[in-house]
Amino acid sequence: MLWFKAWLETRWRFCFIAASILFAWATPLWAPLFHLRAPAGVPESRLWLAVHVASVLLYIFAAIFLAGSGINSQTTYAATSGFHPSMLFTLSLPVTRRRLLLVRAGLGALQTSVLVIVMAAYTLFDRPEATTAAQLLTYLARAIVCTMPVYALSTMLACLFDEMWQFYGAFMCCVAAFVLQSRIPGLSSLSPFRGMSLISYPIAGPIPWAPVIFSLALTAVLMYASTLIVQRKQY
């Protein structure tokens, strides 16, 4: 029942992002009509670069949009102030808060992974160079792992604040982290944002283990912190 409740809480968010991806996927069919093809004299690689950047932004958006604490039930469509009425029902269930958190976070992470796979596959489908199956699978795993810290951050904020501050707070934290990794060389090599990017680490190059391992460790720390917060929070 917990998995089904989590699905009911997130299904429209998941469908909204999936529909957005499908619309973007269909865009090349209508590109001549809307003048979306690269203008004369501009290489097609510029157009691919724009598609890739948009995909990475969608990774981050999906991770923030689908994250939740498992107790502070979210509204269906967008960030709003206050708590969802079903939170009282959730708190009355005969289960531990830790299990509620793991179920809700687990389903959201699975949904985020599915969307990342779809978006990454679309990006590489439009890539000018040939891509092998091994390279594709390697990048998909890297993109998912490096997106999870953003998801875990949004989950932790959902355990602390209501939905509106969780949603916008996660975006502000991501912007701050991006600025810091752009200014500090040591953080740049560990940045999950660079790890999920094909610009920083081309698909044909070696696996960037530093951001991958750092992303796994950061995700574990943030999820552990979320568990501690949920278990000790007074409602």
Protein backbone atom coordinates (compact mmCIF):
# COMPACT_ATOMS: atom_id res chain seq x y z
CA MET A 1 0.00 0.00 0.00
CA LEU A 2 2.88 2.38 0.74
CA TRP A 3 4.28 1.97 -2.77
CA PHE A 4 0.83 2.52 -4.27
CA LYS A 5 0.30 5.64 -2.14
CA ALA A 6 3.68 6.98 -3.23
CA TRP A 7 2.75 6.33 -6.86
CA LEU A 8 -0.56 8.17 -6.46
CA GLU A 9 1.32 11.11 -5.00
CA THR A 10 3.86 11.35 -7.81
CA ARG A 11 2.16 9.93 -10.89
CA TRP A 12 1.07 13.26 -12.40
CA ARG A 13 4.48 14.80 -11.82
CA PHE A 14 6.12 11.82 -13.51
CA CYS A 15 3.65 11.93 -16.41
CA PHE A 16 4.14 15.69 -16.83
CA ILE A 17 7.91 15.36 -17.22
CA ALA A 18 7.55 12.28 -19.45
CA ALA A 19 5.11 14.16 -21.70
CA SER A 20 7.55 17.08 -21.91
CA ILE A 21 10.30 14.70 -23.02
CA LEU A 22 8.06 13.11 -25.65
CA PHE A 23 7.18 16.55 -26.98
CA ALA A 24 10.87 17.43 -27.24
CA TRP A 25 11.51 14.08 -28.93
CA ALA A 26 8.92 14.90 -31.56
CA THR A 27 10.37 18.37 -32.16
CA PRO A 28 12.68 17.31 -35.07
CA LEU A 29 9.57 16.31 -37.03
CA TRP A 30 8.33 19.90 -36.83
CA ALA A 31 11.72 21.63 -36.91
CA PRO A 32 11.43 22.98 -40.49
CA LEU A 33 8.05 24.56 -39.65
CA PHE A 34 9.31 26.28 -36.48
CA HIS A 35 12.81 27.04 -37.86
CA LEU A 36 14.48 24.96 -35.14
CA ARG A 37 17.21 23.60 -37.34
CA ALA A 38 20.65 25.16 -37.16
CA PRO A 39 20.84 28.24 -39.42
CA ALA A 40 23.08 28.27 -42.46
CA GLY A 41 26.72 28.51 -41.48
CA VAL A 42 26.15 27.23 -37.93
CA PRO A 43 27.41 23.66 -37.34
CA GLU A 44 24.93 21.03 -36.26
CA SER A 45 27.14 20.41 -33.23
CA ARG A 46 25.86 23.69 -31.80
CA LEU A 47 22.32 22.36 -32.00
CA TRP A 48 23.38 19.09 -30.34
CA LEU A 49 25.13 21.09 -27.60
CA ALA A 50 21.89 22.96 -26.86
CA VAL A 51 19.96 19.67 -26.72
CA HIS A 52 22.51 18.19 -24.31
CA VAL A 53 22.45 21.19 -21.96
CA ALA A 54 18.65 21.12 -21.94
CA SER A 55 18.74 17.40 -21.09
CA VAL A 56 21.07 17.94 -18.12
CA LEU A 57 18.78 20.70 -16.83
CA LEU A 58 15.88 18.27 -17.14
CA TYR A 59 17.83 15.69 -15.09
CA ILE A 60 18.08 18.24 -12.30
CA PHE A 61 14.48 19.38 -12.64
CA ALA A 62 13.17 15.81 -12.54
CA ALA A 63 15.24 15.00 -9.45
CA ILE A 64 13.95 18.06 -7.57
CA PHE A 65 10.36 17.74 -8.78
CA LEU A 66 9.98 14.06 -7.85
CA ALA A 67 11.76 14.13 -4.48
CA GLY A 68 9.73 13.91 -1.26
CA SER A 69 10.10 13.01 2.37
CA GLY A 70 7.48 10.25 2.50
CA ILE A 71 5.68 12.03 5.33
CA ASN A 72 5.24 15.62 4.17
CA SER A 73 2.89 14.60 1.35
CA GLN A 74 3.19 16.76 -1.74
CA THR A 75 0.58 18.40 -3.92
CA THR A 76 -0.05 16.95 -7.34
CA TYR A 77 1.27 19.57 -9.73
CA ALA A 78 3.49 22.25 -8.22
CA ALA A 79 5.22 23.73 -5.21
CA THR A 80 2.80 25.31 -2.75
CA SER A 81 3.01 26.65 0.77
CA GLY A 82 1.85 24.42 3.62
CA PHE A 83 1.29 20.66 3.93
CA HIS A 84 -0.94 18.34 1.96
CA PRO A 85 -4.02 17.10 3.93
CA SER A 86 -3.03 13.45 3.38
CA MET A 87 0.01 13.98 5.62
CA LEU A 88 -2.18 13.32 8.68
CA PHE A 89 -3.29 10.01 7.18
CA THR A 90 0.31 9.09 6.42
CA LEU A 91 1.41 9.77 9.99
CA SER A 92 -1.36 7.51 11.30
CA LEU A 93 -0.18 4.47 9.34
CA PRO A 94 1.23 1.59 11.44
CA VAL A 95 4.71 1.82 9.90
CA THR A 96 7.97 3.44 10.93
CA ARG A 97 8.97 6.83 9.64
CA ARG A 98 12.15 5.32 8.27
CA ARG A 99 10.17 2.89 6.13
CA LEU A 100 7.93 5.69 4.88
CA LEU A 101 10.99 7.65 3.87
CA LEU A 102 12.70 4.73 2.12
CA VAL A 103 9.57 3.76 0.17
CA ARG A 104 8.80 7.30 -0.97
CA ALA A 105 12.43 8.09 -1.76
CA GLY A 106 12.92 4.73 -3.46
CA LEU A 107 9.99 5.21 -5.82
CA GLY A 108 11.02 8.78 -6.61
CA ALA A 109 14.59 7.69 -7.30
CA LEU A 110 13.31 4.96 -9.63
CA GLN A 111 11.10 7.43 -11.50
CA THR A 112 13.98 9.88 -11.76
CA SER A 113 16.25 7.15 -13.12
CA VAL A 114 13.70 6.22 -15.78
CA LEU A 115 13.41 9.82 -16.91
CA VAL A 116 17.19 10.26 -16.97
CA ILE A 117 17.53 7.14 -19.13
CA VAL A 118 14.92 8.41 -21.58
CA MET A 119 16.45 11.89 -21.78
CA ALA A 120 20.01 10.57 -22.10
CA ALA A 121 18.99 8.14 -24.83
CA TYR A 122 17.36 10.99 -26.74
CA THR A 123 20.46 13.16 -26.37
CA LEU A 124 22.76 10.44 -27.68
CA PHE A 125 20.30 9.61 -30.46
CA ASP A 126 20.87 13.13 -31.81
CA ARG A 127 24.64 12.99 -31.26
CA PRO A 128 26.67 13.38 -34.47
CA GLU A 129 29.25 10.71 -33.58
CA ALA A 130 28.56 7.00 -33.44
CA THR A 131 27.83 5.59 -29.97
CA THR A 132 28.35 1.98 -28.97
CA ALA A 133 26.04 0.09 -26.62
CA ALA A 134 28.76 -0.11 -23.96
CA GLN A 135 29.36 3.63 -24.10
CA LEU A 136 25.63 4.29 -23.87
CA LEU A 137 25.19 2.03 -20.82
CA THR A 138 28.24 3.56 -19.14
CA TYR A 139 26.92 7.06 -19.62
CA LEU A 140 23.42 6.12 -18.46
CA ALA A 141 24.84 4.69 -15.22
CA ARG A 142 27.03 7.77 -14.74
CA ALA A 143 24.16 10.18 -15.39
CA ILE A 144 21.87 8.38 -12.92
CA VAL A 145 24.50 8.21 -10.16
CA CYS A 146 25.44 11.88 -10.57
CA THR A 147 21.79 12.97 -10.56
CA MET A 148 21.04 11.19 -7.28
CA PRO A 149 22.78 13.81 -5.04
CA VAL A 150 20.33 16.41 -6.37
CA TYR A 151 17.46 14.05 -5.61
CA ALA A 152 18.81 13.30 -2.12
CA LEU A 153 19.28 17.02 -1.42
CA SER A 154 15.68 17.75 -2.40
CA THR A 155 14.50 14.83 -0.25
CA MET A 156 16.38 16.16 2.78
CA LEU A 157 14.90 19.63 2.29
CA ALA A 158 11.44 18.04 2.05
CA CYS A 159 12.03 16.58 5.51
CA LEU A 160 12.79 20.04 6.89
CA PHE A 161 10.47 22.46 5.10
CA ASP A 162 7.11 22.59 3.43
CA GLU A 163 6.89 21.94 -0.28
CA MET A 164 7.41 25.47 -1.54
CA TRP A 165 10.73 25.96 0.28
CA GLN A 166 11.83 22.43 -0.56
CA PHE A 167 11.28 23.07 -4.26
CA TYR A 168 12.87 26.51 -4.52
CA GLY A 169 15.51 25.80 -1.88
CA ALA A 170 16.81 22.83 -3.86
CA PHE A 171 17.14 24.98 -6.99
CA MET A 172 19.00 27.68 -5.08
CA CYS A 173 21.35 25.09 -3.58
CA CYS A 174 22.05 23.68 -7.06
CA VAL A 175 22.82 27.16 -8.41
CA ALA A 176 25.15 27.83 -5.47
CA ALA A 177 26.89 24.48 -5.96
CA PHE A 178 27.32 25.17 -9.68
CA VAL A 179 28.89 28.57 -8.97
CA LEU A 180 31.25 27.06 -6.39
CA GLN A 181 32.39 24.24 -8.66
CA SER A 182 33.03 26.82 -11.38
CA ARG A 183 35.21 28.92 -9.09
CA ILE A 184 37.06 26.27 -7.04
CA PRO A 185 39.24 23.85 -9.08
CA GLY A 186 39.24 21.15 -6.39
CA LEU A 187 35.45 21.00 -6.33
CA SER A 188 35.25 21.06 -10.10
CA SER A 189 36.82 17.61 -10.39
CA LEU A 190 34.26 16.19 -7.94
CA SER A 191 31.19 18.01 -9.21
CA PRO A 192 28.14 15.81 -9.93
CA PHE A 193 27.12 18.38 -12.55
CA ARG A 194 30.30 17.66 -14.50
CA GLY A 195 29.79 13.95 -13.94
CA MET A 196 26.41 13.94 -15.66
CA SER A 197 27.72 16.04 -18.56
CA LEU A 198 29.03 14.83 -21.91
CA ILE A 199 30.80 18.15 -22.37
CA SER A 200 33.14 17.76 -19.39
CA TYR A 201 33.61 14.03 -19.90
CA PRO A 202 33.01 12.81 -23.48
CA ILE A 203 31.26 9.49 -23.87
CA ALA A 204 34.27 7.95 -25.64
CA GLY A 205 36.66 8.90 -22.83
CA PRO A 206 37.46 6.99 -19.61
CA ILE A 207 34.90 6.81 -16.80
CA PRO A 208 35.22 9.86 -14.49
CA TRP A 209 35.48 7.97 -11.23
CA ALA A 210 36.00 11.04 -9.02
CA PRO A 211 32.54 12.62 -9.52
CA VAL A 212 30.87 9.19 -9.58
CA ILE A 213 32.33 8.09 -6.23
CA PHE A 214 31.73 11.53 -4.71
CA SER A 215 28.11 11.44 -5.91
CA LEU A 216 27.54 8.04 -4.30
CA ALA A 217 29.05 9.21 -1.00
CA LEU A 218 27.12 12.49 -1.02
CA THR A 219 23.85 10.70 -1.78
CA ALA A 220 24.41 8.30 1.13
CA VAL A 221 25.19 11.15 3.54
CA LEU A 222 22.14 13.19 2.49
CA MET A 223 19.80 10.21 2.73
CA TYR A 224 21.17 9.29 6.15
CA ALA A 225 20.61 12.88 7.27
CA SER A 226 17.05 12.69 5.93
CA THR A 227 16.43 9.56 7.98
CA LEU A 228 17.68 11.24 11.16
CA ILE A 229 15.55 14.31 10.52
CA VAL A 230 12.36 12.33 9.88
CA GLN A 231 12.82 10.15 12.96
CA ARG A 232 13.33 13.13 15.26
CA LYS A 233 10.93 15.67 13.76
CA GLN A 234 7.93 16.77 15.82
CA TYR A 235 4.62 16.99 13.93
